[in-house]
C-alpha cells in the first residue's frame, strides 16, 4: 500500500490519518495554482498559469474551463461577498470578478507598475492583502518584461480601495495567510526558504521574524485549529502553532498550493505541477466566506 503521509510528530495523526488515500482528479494541466472552494455551490476553481486559464471542478460536471484568457492568473480567493479575486501574472494586476466583468483593484504603486501580484487573502473587515514577487515577469509563468519597482512587497487594499505598502524586505514574497484571530500575518519567502511572522494591529505590520523553515515555501493556509500548512517541493508541510514541524502530506511533484473543500471542509485539494489531487483530512479548513 502506498503511503502519502510523512509523519514527523505523533500529532500529525490528528491532522490526517497515516493511511489516508490521495486521489488524482486530473493531470491534464501545465502548472496548477490558486485553488478556492465555494462553500455554497460546492465547486473548486483553480488556475493553470502557463495555459492562461481558470478551471472549475465539481462532482457533477468534472473539470471545465471557467475563464479564458485568465491573464496568467496565479493566486485566487473569494471576498466576503463571494466574488473571485485574482492575481494576474500577465498584467501585474489584482482584479475582482462581478457579473462576468473584471474590475482592476491594483496595478501600480507610486505610479509604477507592480511586479506580478502572486497570492491573495481577505481580512474579515474586507481589506485585501497580496504579495508582489517578480515571478510573473520571467519564464513560463508570466510575460518576460522589465521591472518597474526595485523591491518585492506585501500590500493591503483597503475596503475604500486605497493601496498601502506594508513590508518590502523580502527576496520573493509568496503565499500569505492570517492566524485565526487575524493578529498575525504569515508570509512565505520562497528563495529564503522560510515563513515569516508579522504582528498586525489593523494598520501596520511589525516584527517579521522567521516562524519556520521550509525548503521552498509557496502557498500558505491556516486550518480551523490554527495549524500552518505550507506548499512546497514534496507536498504540503504541517506546522503546529508553536512552530513544531509535524509532517508532510506528500505529492509526486511540487505542490504550489492547496485548499479545503467538501461539505465538511475535510477534503484537501492540492494543485501540484500538472495535476489536481485530493485527500481526506481530519481537521477541517475554514470557508473563505460565509
C-alpha atoms as a PDB file:
ATOM      1  CA  UNK A   1       0.000   0.000   0.000  1.00  0.00           C
ATOM      2  CA  UNK A   2       1.333   3.435  -0.966  1.00  0.00           C
ATOM      3  CA  UNK A   3       1.728   5.820   1.940  1.00  0.00           C
ATOM      4  CA  UNK A   4       1.100   9.502   1.302  1.00  0.00           C
ATOM      5  CA  UNK A   5       1.757  10.891   4.782  1.00  0.00           C
ATOM      6  CA  UNK A   6       5.278  11.534   6.064  1.00  0.00           C
ATOM      7  CA  UNK A   7       4.788  11.928   9.817  1.00  0.00           C
ATOM      8  CA  UNK A   8       7.486  13.543  11.961  1.00  0.00           C
ATOM      9  CA  UNK A   9       5.401  14.000  15.131  1.00  0.00           C
ATOM     10  CA  UNK A  10       2.559  11.914  16.633  1.00  0.00           C
ATOM     11  CA  UNK A  11       0.258  14.933  16.403  1.00  0.00           C
ATOM     12  CA  UNK A  12       0.341  14.590  12.603  1.00  0.00           C
ATOM     13  CA  UNK A  13      -2.054  11.643  13.017  1.00  0.00           C
ATOM     14  CA  UNK A  14      -4.630  14.041  14.464  1.00  0.00           C
ATOM     15  CA  UNK A  15      -4.430  16.140  11.282  1.00  0.00           C
ATOM     16  CA  UNK A  16      -4.642  13.327   8.727  1.00  0.00           C
ATOM     17  CA  UNK A  17      -4.841   9.536   9.012  1.00  0.00           C
ATOM     18  CA  UNK A  18      -1.482   7.893   8.279  1.00  0.00           C
ATOM     19  CA  UNK A  19      -3.137   5.632   5.692  1.00  0.00           C
ATOM     20  CA  UNK A  20      -5.221   8.369   4.004  1.00  0.00           C
ATOM     21  CA  UNK A  21      -5.589   7.768   0.276  1.00  0.00           C
ATOM     22  CA  UNK A  22      -4.620  10.514  -2.161  1.00  0.00           C
ATOM     23  CA  UNK A  23      -6.680  10.611  -5.370  1.00  0.00           C
ATOM     24  CA  UNK A  24      -5.653  12.241  -8.649  1.00  0.00           C
ATOM     25  CA  UNK A  25      -8.589  14.114 -10.190  1.00  0.00           C
ATOM     26  CA  UNK A  26      -6.744  15.008 -13.409  1.00  0.00           C
ATOM     27  CA  UNK A  27      -3.227  15.534 -14.715  1.00  0.00           C
ATOM     28  CA  UNK A  28      -4.268  17.273 -17.945  1.00  0.00           C
ATOM     29  CA  UNK A  29      -2.738  20.624 -16.998  1.00  0.00           C
ATOM     30  CA  UNK A  30       0.536  22.509 -17.315  1.00  0.00           C
ATOM     31  CA  UNK A  31       1.071  24.168 -13.896  1.00  0.00           C
ATOM     32  CA  UNK A  32      -1.820  24.420 -11.435  1.00  0.00           C
ATOM     33  CA  UNK A  33      -2.224  27.048  -8.716  1.00  0.00           C
ATOM     34  CA  UNK A  34      -4.678  29.149  -6.697  1.00  0.00           C
ATOM     35  CA  UNK A  35      -7.419  26.637  -5.704  1.00  0.00           C
ATOM     36  CA  UNK A  36     -10.515  28.062  -3.965  1.00  0.00           C
ATOM     37  CA  UNK A  37     -13.645  26.243  -2.793  1.00  0.00           C
ATOM     38  CA  UNK A  38     -17.117  27.764  -2.974  1.00  0.00           C
ATOM     39  CA  UNK A  39     -18.832  26.895   0.327  1.00  0.00           C
ATOM     40  CA  UNK A  40     -22.387  27.005  -1.059  1.00  0.00           C
ATOM     41  CA  UNK A  41     -22.109  25.894  -4.683  1.00  0.00           C
ATOM     42  CA  UNK A  42     -19.563  23.189  -3.804  1.00  0.00           C
ATOM     43  CA  UNK A  43     -17.068  23.623  -6.622  1.00  0.00           C
ATOM     44  CA  UNK A  44     -13.331  24.260  -6.874  1.00  0.00           C
ATOM     45  CA  UNK A  45     -11.860  26.992  -9.068  1.00  0.00           C
ATOM     46  CA  UNK A  46      -8.113  26.960  -9.813  1.00  0.00           C
ATOM     47  CA  UNK A  47      -5.507  28.436 -12.149  1.00  0.00           C
ATOM     48  CA  UNK A  48      -3.331  26.958 -14.849  1.00  0.00           C
ATOM     49  CA  UNK A  49      -0.833  29.770 -15.241  1.00  0.00           C
ATOM     50  CA  UNK A  50       1.009  28.817 -18.480  1.00  0.00           C
ATOM     51  CA  UNK A  51      -2.237  27.744 -20.182  1.00  0.00           C
ATOM     52  CA  UNK A  52      -3.787  31.145 -19.365  1.00  0.00           C
ATOM     53  CA  UNK A  53      -6.952  29.616 -17.904  1.00  0.00           C
ATOM     54  CA  UNK A  54      -9.027  29.269 -14.779  1.00  0.00           C
ATOM     55  CA  UNK A  55     -10.639  25.849 -14.433  1.00  0.00           C
ATOM     56  CA  UNK A  56     -13.564  24.717 -12.314  1.00  0.00           C
ATOM     57  CA  UNK A  57     -14.121  21.245 -10.851  1.00  0.00           C
ATOM     58  CA  UNK A  58     -17.328  19.803  -9.415  1.00  0.00           C
ATOM     59  CA  UNK A  59     -18.595  16.291  -8.874  1.00  0.00           C
ATOM     60  CA  UNK A  60     -21.451  16.931 -11.285  1.00  0.00           C
ATOM     61  CA  UNK A  61     -19.506  18.464 -14.169  1.00  0.00           C
ATOM     62  CA  UNK A  62     -15.930  17.314 -13.687  1.00  0.00           C
ATOM     63  CA  UNK A  63     -13.270  19.773 -14.877  1.00  0.00           C
ATOM     64  CA  UNK A  64     -14.379  22.599 -17.161  1.00  0.00           C
ATOM     65  CA  UNK A  65     -12.781  25.843 -18.359  1.00  0.00           C
ATOM     66  CA  UNK A  66     -14.097  28.727 -16.253  1.00  0.00           C
ATOM     67  CA  UNK A  67     -12.185  31.769 -17.570  1.00  0.00           C
ATOM     68  CA  UNK A  68     -10.051  32.094 -20.692  1.00  0.00           C
ATOM     69  CA  UNK A  69      -7.911  34.061 -21.024  1.00  0.00           C
ATOM     70  CA  UNK A  70      -7.058  34.484 -17.346  1.00  0.00           C
ATOM     71  CA  UNK A  71      -4.155  36.887 -17.953  1.00  0.00           C
ATOM     72  CA  UNK A  72      -1.998  34.121 -16.462  1.00  0.00           C
ATOM     73  CA  UNK A  73      -3.752  34.357 -13.102  1.00  0.00           C
ATOM     74  CA  UNK A  74      -1.947  32.762 -10.181  1.00  0.00           C
ATOM     75  CA  UNK A  75      -3.465  33.143  -6.707  1.00  0.00           C
ATOM     76  CA  UNK A  76      -7.215  33.434  -6.205  1.00  0.00           C
ATOM     77  CA  UNK A  77      -9.548  33.932  -3.277  1.00  0.00           C
ATOM     78  CA  UNK A  78     -13.126  34.980  -2.523  1.00  0.00           C
ATOM     79  CA  UNK A  79     -14.030  38.257  -0.878  1.00  0.00           C
ATOM     80  CA  UNK A  80     -16.708  38.474   1.826  1.00  0.00           C
ATOM     81  CA  UNK A  81     -19.410  38.839  -0.826  1.00  0.00           C
ATOM     82  CA  UNK A  82     -18.330  35.681  -2.655  1.00  0.00           C
ATOM     83  CA  UNK A  83     -16.640  37.455  -5.582  1.00  0.00           C
ATOM     84  CA  UNK A  84     -13.456  35.951  -7.022  1.00  0.00           C
ATOM     85  CA  UNK A  85     -10.254  37.975  -6.596  1.00  0.00           C
ATOM     86  CA  UNK A  86      -7.303  37.015  -8.803  1.00  0.00           C
ATOM     87  CA  UNK A  87      -3.635  37.956  -9.066  1.00  0.00           C
ATOM     88  CA  UNK A  88      -2.703  38.269 -12.742  1.00  0.00           C
ATOM     89  CA  UNK A  89       0.894  37.474 -13.632  1.00  0.00           C
ATOM     90  CA  UNK A  90       0.480  38.588 -17.233  1.00  0.00           C
ATOM     91  CA  UNK A  91      -0.803  42.081 -16.455  1.00  0.00           C
ATOM     92  CA  UNK A  92       0.569  42.785 -12.955  1.00  0.00           C
ATOM     93  CA  UNK A  93      -2.958  43.428 -11.699  1.00  0.00           C
ATOM     94  CA  UNK A  94      -5.240  42.403  -8.854  1.00  0.00           C
ATOM     95  CA  UNK A  95      -8.772  42.041 -10.198  1.00  0.00           C
ATOM     96  CA  UNK A  96     -12.233  41.316  -8.837  1.00  0.00           C
ATOM     97  CA  UNK A  97     -14.868  39.485 -10.845  1.00  0.00           C
ATOM     98  CA  UNK A  98     -18.506  40.532 -10.654  1.00  0.00           C
ATOM     99  CA  UNK A  99     -21.289  39.543 -13.050  1.00  0.00           C
ATOM    100  CA  UNK A 100     -18.737  38.317 -15.573  1.00  0.00           C
ATOM    101  CA  UNK A 101     -16.727  41.551 -15.630  1.00  0.00           C
ATOM    102  CA  UNK A 102     -13.295  42.213 -14.111  1.00  0.00           C
ATOM    103  CA  UNK A 103     -12.623  45.299 -12.031  1.00  0.00           C
ATOM    104  CA  UNK A 104      -8.981  46.317 -11.516  1.00  0.00           C
ATOM    105  CA  UNK A 105      -8.258  46.825  -7.809  1.00  0.00           C
ATOM    106  CA  UNK A 106      -4.495  47.406  -8.041  1.00  0.00           C
ATOM    107  CA  UNK A 107      -1.969  47.703 -10.860  1.00  0.00           C
ATOM    108  CA  UNK A 108       0.506  50.431  -9.841  1.00  0.00           C
ATOM    109  CA  UNK A 109       2.276  51.689  -6.716  1.00  0.00           C
ATOM    110  CA  UNK A 110       3.556  55.281  -6.626  1.00  0.00           C
ATOM    111  CA  UNK A 111       2.892  55.491 -10.357  1.00  0.00           C
ATOM    112  CA  UNK A 112       4.972  52.409 -11.179  1.00  0.00           C
ATOM    113  CA  UNK A 113       3.603  49.088 -12.379  1.00  0.00           C
ATOM    114  CA  UNK A 114       3.522  46.314  -9.789  1.00  0.00           C
ATOM    115  CA  UNK A 115       5.882  43.375 -10.280  1.00  0.00           C
ATOM    116  CA  UNK A 116       3.411  40.476 -10.599  1.00  0.00           C
ATOM    117  CA  UNK A 117       0.836  40.001  -7.832  1.00  0.00           C
ATOM    118  CA  UNK A 118       1.044  36.396  -6.722  1.00  0.00           C
ATOM    119  CA  UNK A 119      -1.105  35.316  -3.781  1.00  0.00           C
ATOM    120  CA  UNK A 120      -4.016  36.954  -2.004  1.00  0.00           C
ATOM    121  CA  UNK A 121      -6.114  36.822   1.190  1.00  0.00           C
ATOM    122  CA  UNK A 122      -9.008  38.843   2.609  1.00  0.00           C
ATOM    123  CA  UNK A 123      -9.296  40.108   6.189  1.00  0.00           C
ATOM    124  CA  UNK A 124     -12.646  39.826   7.981  1.00  0.00           C
ATOM    125  CA  UNK A 125     -13.089  43.607   7.614  1.00  0.00           C
ATOM    126  CA  UNK A 126     -12.887  43.301   3.826  1.00  0.00           C
ATOM    127  CA  UNK A 127      -9.315  44.556   3.382  1.00  0.00           C
ATOM    128  CA  UNK A 128      -7.328  42.637   0.745  1.00  0.00           C
ATOM    129  CA  UNK A 129      -3.686  41.602   1.199  1.00  0.00           C
ATOM    130  CA  UNK A 130      -1.391  40.368  -1.571  1.00  0.00           C
ATOM    131  CA  UNK A 131       2.246  39.579  -2.283  1.00  0.00           C
ATOM    132  CA  UNK A 132       4.150  41.006  -5.253  1.00  0.00           C
ATOM    133  CA  UNK A 133       7.243  38.996  -6.264  1.00  0.00           C
ATOM    134  CA  UNK A 134       8.732  39.061  -9.765  1.00  0.00           C
ATOM    135  CA  UNK A 135       7.862  35.540 -10.954  1.00  0.00           C
ATOM    136  CA  UNK A 136       5.250  36.764 -13.442  1.00  0.00           C
ATOM    137  CA  UNK A 137       7.880  38.723 -15.351  1.00  0.00           C
ATOM    138  CA  UNK A 138      10.039  35.726 -16.107  1.00  0.00           C
ATOM    139  CA  UNK A 139       9.815  32.240 -17.604  1.00  0.00           C
ATOM    140  CA  UNK A 140       6.732  30.240 -18.469  1.00  0.00           C
ATOM    141  CA  UNK A 141       4.653  31.566 -15.549  1.00  0.00           C
ATOM    142  CA  UNK A 142       4.335  35.087 -16.899  1.00  0.00           C
ATOM    143  CA  UNK A 143       5.323  37.576 -19.567  1.00  0.00           C
ATOM    144  CA  UNK A 144       9.012  38.478 -19.883  1.00  0.00           C
ATOM    145  CA  UNK A 145       9.343  42.217 -19.296  1.00  0.00           C
ATOM    146  CA  UNK A 146      11.495  44.641 -17.284  1.00  0.00           C
ATOM    147  CA  UNK A 147      10.746  45.571 -13.698  1.00  0.00           C
ATOM    148  CA  UNK A 148       9.475  48.995 -12.704  1.00  0.00           C
ATOM    149  CA  UNK A 149       9.878  48.559  -8.915  1.00  0.00           C
ATOM    150  CA  UNK A 150      13.183  47.757  -7.218  1.00  0.00           C
ATOM    151  CA  UNK A 151      11.652  45.774  -4.330  1.00  0.00           C
ATOM    152  CA  UNK A 152       9.190  42.929  -3.693  1.00  0.00           C
ATOM    153  CA  UNK A 153       6.439  43.858  -1.275  1.00  0.00           C
ATOM    154  CA  UNK A 154       3.338  42.916   0.644  1.00  0.00           C
ATOM    155  CA  UNK A 155       0.380  45.259   0.136  1.00  0.00           C
ATOM    156  CA  UNK A 156      -3.073  45.989   1.509  1.00  0.00           C
ATOM    157  CA  UNK A 157      -6.046  47.254  -0.479  1.00  0.00           C
ATOM    158  CA  UNK A 158      -8.498  48.848   1.946  1.00  0.00           C
ATOM    159  CA  UNK A 159     -12.241  48.457   1.612  1.00  0.00           C
ATOM    160  CA  UNK A 160     -12.181  52.018   0.256  1.00  0.00           C
ATOM    161  CA  UNK A 161      -9.707  50.996  -2.456  1.00  0.00           C
ATOM    162  CA  UNK A 162      -6.539  52.593  -1.036  1.00  0.00           C
ATOM    163  CA  UNK A 163      -3.306  50.683  -1.781  1.00  0.00           C
ATOM    164  CA  UNK A 164      -0.712  50.612   1.039  1.00  0.00           C
ATOM    165  CA  UNK A 165       2.745  49.022   1.054  1.00  0.00           C
ATOM    166  CA  UNK A 166       3.092  47.146   4.357  1.00  0.00           C
ATOM    167  CA  UNK A 167       6.518  45.457   4.036  1.00  0.00           C
ATOM    168  CA  UNK A 168       9.241  45.231   1.391  1.00  0.00           C
ATOM    169  CA  UNK A 169      12.227  43.366   2.876  1.00  0.00           C
ATOM    170  CA  UNK A 170      11.786  40.078   1.015  1.00  0.00           C
ATOM    171  CA  UNK A 171      13.655  38.137  -1.604  1.00  0.00           C
ATOM    172  CA  UNK A 172      10.398  36.868  -3.143  1.00  0.00           C
ATOM    173  CA  UNK A 173       7.231  37.031  -1.008  1.00  0.00           C
ATOM    174  CA  UNK A 174       4.800  34.320  -1.995  1.00  0.00           C
ATOM    175  CA  UNK A 175       1.968  32.703  -0.006  1.00  0.00           C
ATOM    176  CA  UNK A 176       0.363  34.540   2.897  1.00  0.00           C
ATOM    177  CA  UNK A 177      -2.351  33.887   5.476  1.00  0.00           C
ATOM    178  CA  UNK A 178      -3.679  35.231   8.763  1.00  0.00           C
ATOM    179  CA  UNK A 179      -3.744  33.480  12.123  1.00  0.00           C
ATOM    180  CA  UNK A 180      -7.175  32.511  13.439  1.00  0.00           C
ATOM    181  CA  UNK A 181      -7.598  35.773  15.355  1.00  0.00           C
ATOM    182  CA  UNK A 182      -6.031  37.799  12.499  1.00  0.00           C
ATOM    183  CA  UNK A 183      -3.399  39.281  14.823  1.00  0.00           C
ATOM    184  CA  UNK A 184      -0.578  37.604  12.874  1.00  0.00           C
ATOM    185  CA  UNK A 185       0.157  37.596   9.150  1.00  0.00           C
ATOM    186  CA  UNK A 186       2.374  34.769   7.902  1.00  0.00           C
ATOM    187  CA  UNK A 187       4.316  35.367   4.669  1.00  0.00           C
ATOM    188  CA  UNK A 188       6.366  32.810   2.735  1.00  0.00           C
ATOM    189  CA  UNK A 189       9.679  33.976   1.266  1.00  0.00           C
ATOM    190  CA  UNK A 190      10.428  31.235  -1.236  1.00  0.00           C
ATOM    191  CA  UNK A 191      14.164  31.591  -2.057  1.00  0.00           C
ATOM    192  CA  UNK A 192      14.913  32.468   1.588  1.00  0.00           C
ATOM    193  CA  UNK A 193      13.391  29.071   2.475  1.00  0.00           C
ATOM    194  CA  UNK A 194      11.339  30.267   5.398  1.00  0.00           C
ATOM    195  CA  UNK A 195       7.991  31.623   6.570  1.00  0.00           C
ATOM    196  CA  UNK A 196       7.956  34.921   8.454  1.00  0.00           C
ATOM    197  CA  UNK A 197       5.575  36.018  11.205  1.00  0.00           C
ATOM    198  CA  UNK A 198       4.317  39.622  11.378  1.00  0.00           C
ATOM    199  CA  UNK A 199       2.136  41.082  14.122  1.00  0.00           C
ATOM    200  CA  UNK A 200      -0.789  43.003  12.633  1.00  0.00           C
ATOM    201  CA  UNK A 201      -2.631  45.713  14.567  1.00  0.00           C
ATOM    202  CA  UNK A 202      -5.163  46.609  11.883  1.00  0.00           C
ATOM    203  CA  UNK A 203      -2.898  49.223  10.326  1.00  0.00           C
ATOM    204  CA  UNK A 204       0.738  48.138  10.236  1.00  0.00           C
ATOM    205  CA  UNK A 205       2.907  45.030  10.234  1.00  0.00           C
ATOM    206  CA  UNK A 206       5.508  44.682  12.986  1.00  0.00           C
ATOM    207  CA  UNK A 207       8.199  42.107  13.651  1.00  0.00           C
ATOM    208  CA  UNK A 208       8.772  39.790  10.731  1.00  0.00           C
ATOM    209  CA  UNK A 209      10.886  37.181  12.462  1.00  0.00           C
ATOM    210  CA  UNK A 210      11.270  33.719  10.942  1.00  0.00           C
ATOM    211  CA  UNK A 211       8.475  31.440  12.173  1.00  0.00           C
ATOM    212  CA  UNK A 212       9.600  28.225  10.498  1.00  0.00           C
ATOM    213  CA  UNK A 213      11.988  26.928   7.864  1.00  0.00           C
ATOM    214  CA  UNK A 214      10.685  25.331   4.669  1.00  0.00           C
ATOM    215  CA  UNK A 215      12.526  24.012   1.589  1.00  0.00           C
ATOM    216  CA  UNK A 216      10.737  26.355  -0.867  1.00  0.00           C
ATOM    217  CA  UNK A 217       7.507  27.653   0.697  1.00  0.00           C
ATOM    218  CA  UNK A 218       4.744  28.615  -1.708  1.00  0.00           C
ATOM    219  CA  UNK A 219       1.042  28.671  -0.746  1.00  0.00           C
ATOM    220  CA  UNK A 220       0.147  29.148   2.944  1.00  0.00           C
ATOM    221  CA  UNK A 221      -3.087  28.344   4.769  1.00  0.00           C
ATOM    222  CA  UNK A 222      -4.372  28.003   8.356  1.00  0.00           C
ATOM    223  CA  UNK A 223      -6.788  25.263   9.381  1.00  0.00           C
ATOM    224  CA  UNK A 224      -9.547  25.542  11.987  1.00  0.00           C
ATOM    225  CA  UNK A 225      -7.082  24.654  14.783  1.00  0.00           C
ATOM    226  CA  UNK A 226      -4.554  27.273  13.740  1.00  0.00           C
ATOM    227  CA  UNK A 227      -2.032  24.822  12.284  1.00  0.00           C
ATOM    228  CA  UNK A 228       0.025  26.341   9.449  1.00  0.00           C
ATOM    229  CA  UNK A 229       0.196  24.495   6.123  1.00  0.00           C
ATOM    230  CA  UNK A 230       2.915  25.228   3.573  1.00  0.00           C
ATOM    231  CA  UNK A 231       3.040  24.125  -0.056  1.00  0.00           C
ATOM    232  CA  UNK A 232       6.413  23.087  -1.403  1.00  0.00           C
ATOM    233  CA  UNK A 233       8.641  20.601  -3.246  1.00  0.00           C
ATOM    234  CA  UNK A 234       7.387  17.365  -1.669  1.00  0.00           C
ATOM    235  CA  UNK A 235       3.805  18.321  -0.810  1.00  0.00           C
ATOM    236  CA  UNK A 236       2.137  20.258   1.993  1.00  0.00           C
ATOM    237  CA  UNK A 237       4.040  20.661   5.249  1.00  0.00           C
ATOM    238  CA  UNK A 238       2.123  20.992   8.517  1.00  0.00           C
ATOM    239  CA  UNK A 239       3.453  23.103  11.423  1.00  0.00           C
ATOM    240  CA  UNK A 240       1.964  23.372  14.906  1.00  0.00           C
ATOM    241  CA  UNK A 241       1.153  26.920  16.139  1.00  0.00           C
ATOM    242  CA  UNK A 242       4.152  26.629  18.478  1.00  0.00           C
ATOM    243  CA  UNK A 243       6.467  26.144  15.482  1.00  0.00           C
ATOM    244  CA  UNK A 244       6.906  22.357  15.719  1.00  0.00           C
ATOM    245  CA  UNK A 245       7.033  20.658  12.327  1.00  0.00           C
ATOM    246  CA  UNK A 246       4.541  17.767  12.238  1.00  0.00           C
ATOM    247  CA  UNK A 247       4.959  16.222   8.789  1.00  0.00           C
ATOM    248  CA  UNK A 248       4.082  16.353   5.108  1.00  0.00           C
ATOM    249  CA  UNK A 249       1.042  15.432   3.047  1.00  0.00           C
ATOM    250  CA  UNK A 250       3.001  14.223   0.063  1.00  0.00           C
ATOM    251  CA  UNK A 251       2.548  14.877  -3.647  1.00  0.00           C
ATOM    252  CA  UNK A 252       4.610  13.404  -6.505  1.00  0.00           C
ATOM    253  CA  UNK A 253       5.600  16.868  -7.753  1.00  0.00           C
ATOM    254  CA  UNK A 254       5.929  20.411  -6.419  1.00  0.00           C
ATOM    255  CA  UNK A 255       2.709  21.397  -4.639  1.00  0.00           C
ATOM    256  CA  UNK A 256       2.317  25.116  -5.221  1.00  0.00           C
ATOM    257  CA  UNK A 257      -0.972  25.461  -3.384  1.00  0.00           C
ATOM    258  CA  UNK A 258      -3.952  23.751  -1.763  1.00  0.00           C
ATOM    259  CA  UNK A 259      -7.280  24.375  -0.063  1.00  0.00           C
ATOM    260  CA  UNK A 260     -10.024  22.580   1.838  1.00  0.00           C
ATOM    261  CA  UNK A 261     -13.444  21.727   0.454  1.00  0.00           C
ATOM    262  CA  UNK A 262     -16.334  19.327   0.576  1.00  0.00           C
ATOM    263  CA  UNK A 263     -19.454  19.743   2.676  1.00  0.00           C
ATOM    264  CA  UNK A 264     -17.444  19.444   5.907  1.00  0.00           C
ATOM    265  CA  UNK A 265     -14.200  21.096   4.663  1.00  0.00           C
ATOM    266  CA  UNK A 266     -12.329  17.883   5.417  1.00  0.00           C
ATOM    267  CA  UNK A 267     -11.179  17.235   1.847  1.00  0.00           C
ATOM    268  CA  UNK A 268      -7.865  18.834   0.915  1.00  0.00           C
ATOM    269  CA  UNK A 269      -7.412  19.743  -2.744  1.00  0.00           C
ATOM    270  CA  UNK A 270      -3.807  20.038  -3.904  1.00  0.00           C
ATOM    271  CA  UNK A 271      -2.529  21.782  -7.026  1.00  0.00           C
ATOM    272  CA  UNK A 272       0.773  20.041  -7.760  1.00  0.00           C
ATOM    273  CA  UNK A 273       2.575  20.773 -11.013  1.00  0.00           C
ATOM    274  CA  UNK A 274       0.426  19.463 -13.907  1.00  0.00           C
ATOM    275  CA  UNK A 275      -2.187  17.781 -11.692  1.00  0.00           C
ATOM    276  CA  UNK A 276      -5.039  18.260  -9.241  1.00  0.00           C
ATOM    277  CA  UNK A 277      -5.320  15.873  -6.282  1.00  0.00           C
ATOM    278  CA  UNK A 278      -7.482  15.448  -3.204  1.00  0.00           C
ATOM    279  CA  UNK A 279      -7.075  13.648   0.098  1.00  0.00           C
ATOM    280  CA  UNK A 280      -9.303  13.322   3.186  1.00  0.00           C
ATOM    281  CA  UNK A 281      -8.113  15.029   6.376  1.00  0.00           C
ATOM    282  CA  UNK A 282      -9.318  15.087   9.978  1.00  0.00           C
ATOM    283  CA  UNK A 283      -9.060  18.790  10.801  1.00  0.00           C
ATOM    284  CA  UNK A 284     -11.382  20.989   8.728  1.00  0.00           C
ATOM    285  CA  UNK A 285     -10.273  24.043   6.865  1.00  0.00           C
ATOM    286  CA  UNK A 286     -12.019  27.424   7.059  1.00  0.00           C
ATOM    287  CA  UNK A 287     -14.530  28.702   4.456  1.00  0.00           C
ATOM    288  CA  UNK A 288     -13.335  31.756   2.540  1.00  0.00           C
ATOM    289  CA  UNK A 289     -16.707  33.438   3.075  1.00  0.00           C
ATOM    290  CA  UNK A 290     -19.927  32.675   4.937  1.00  0.00           C
END
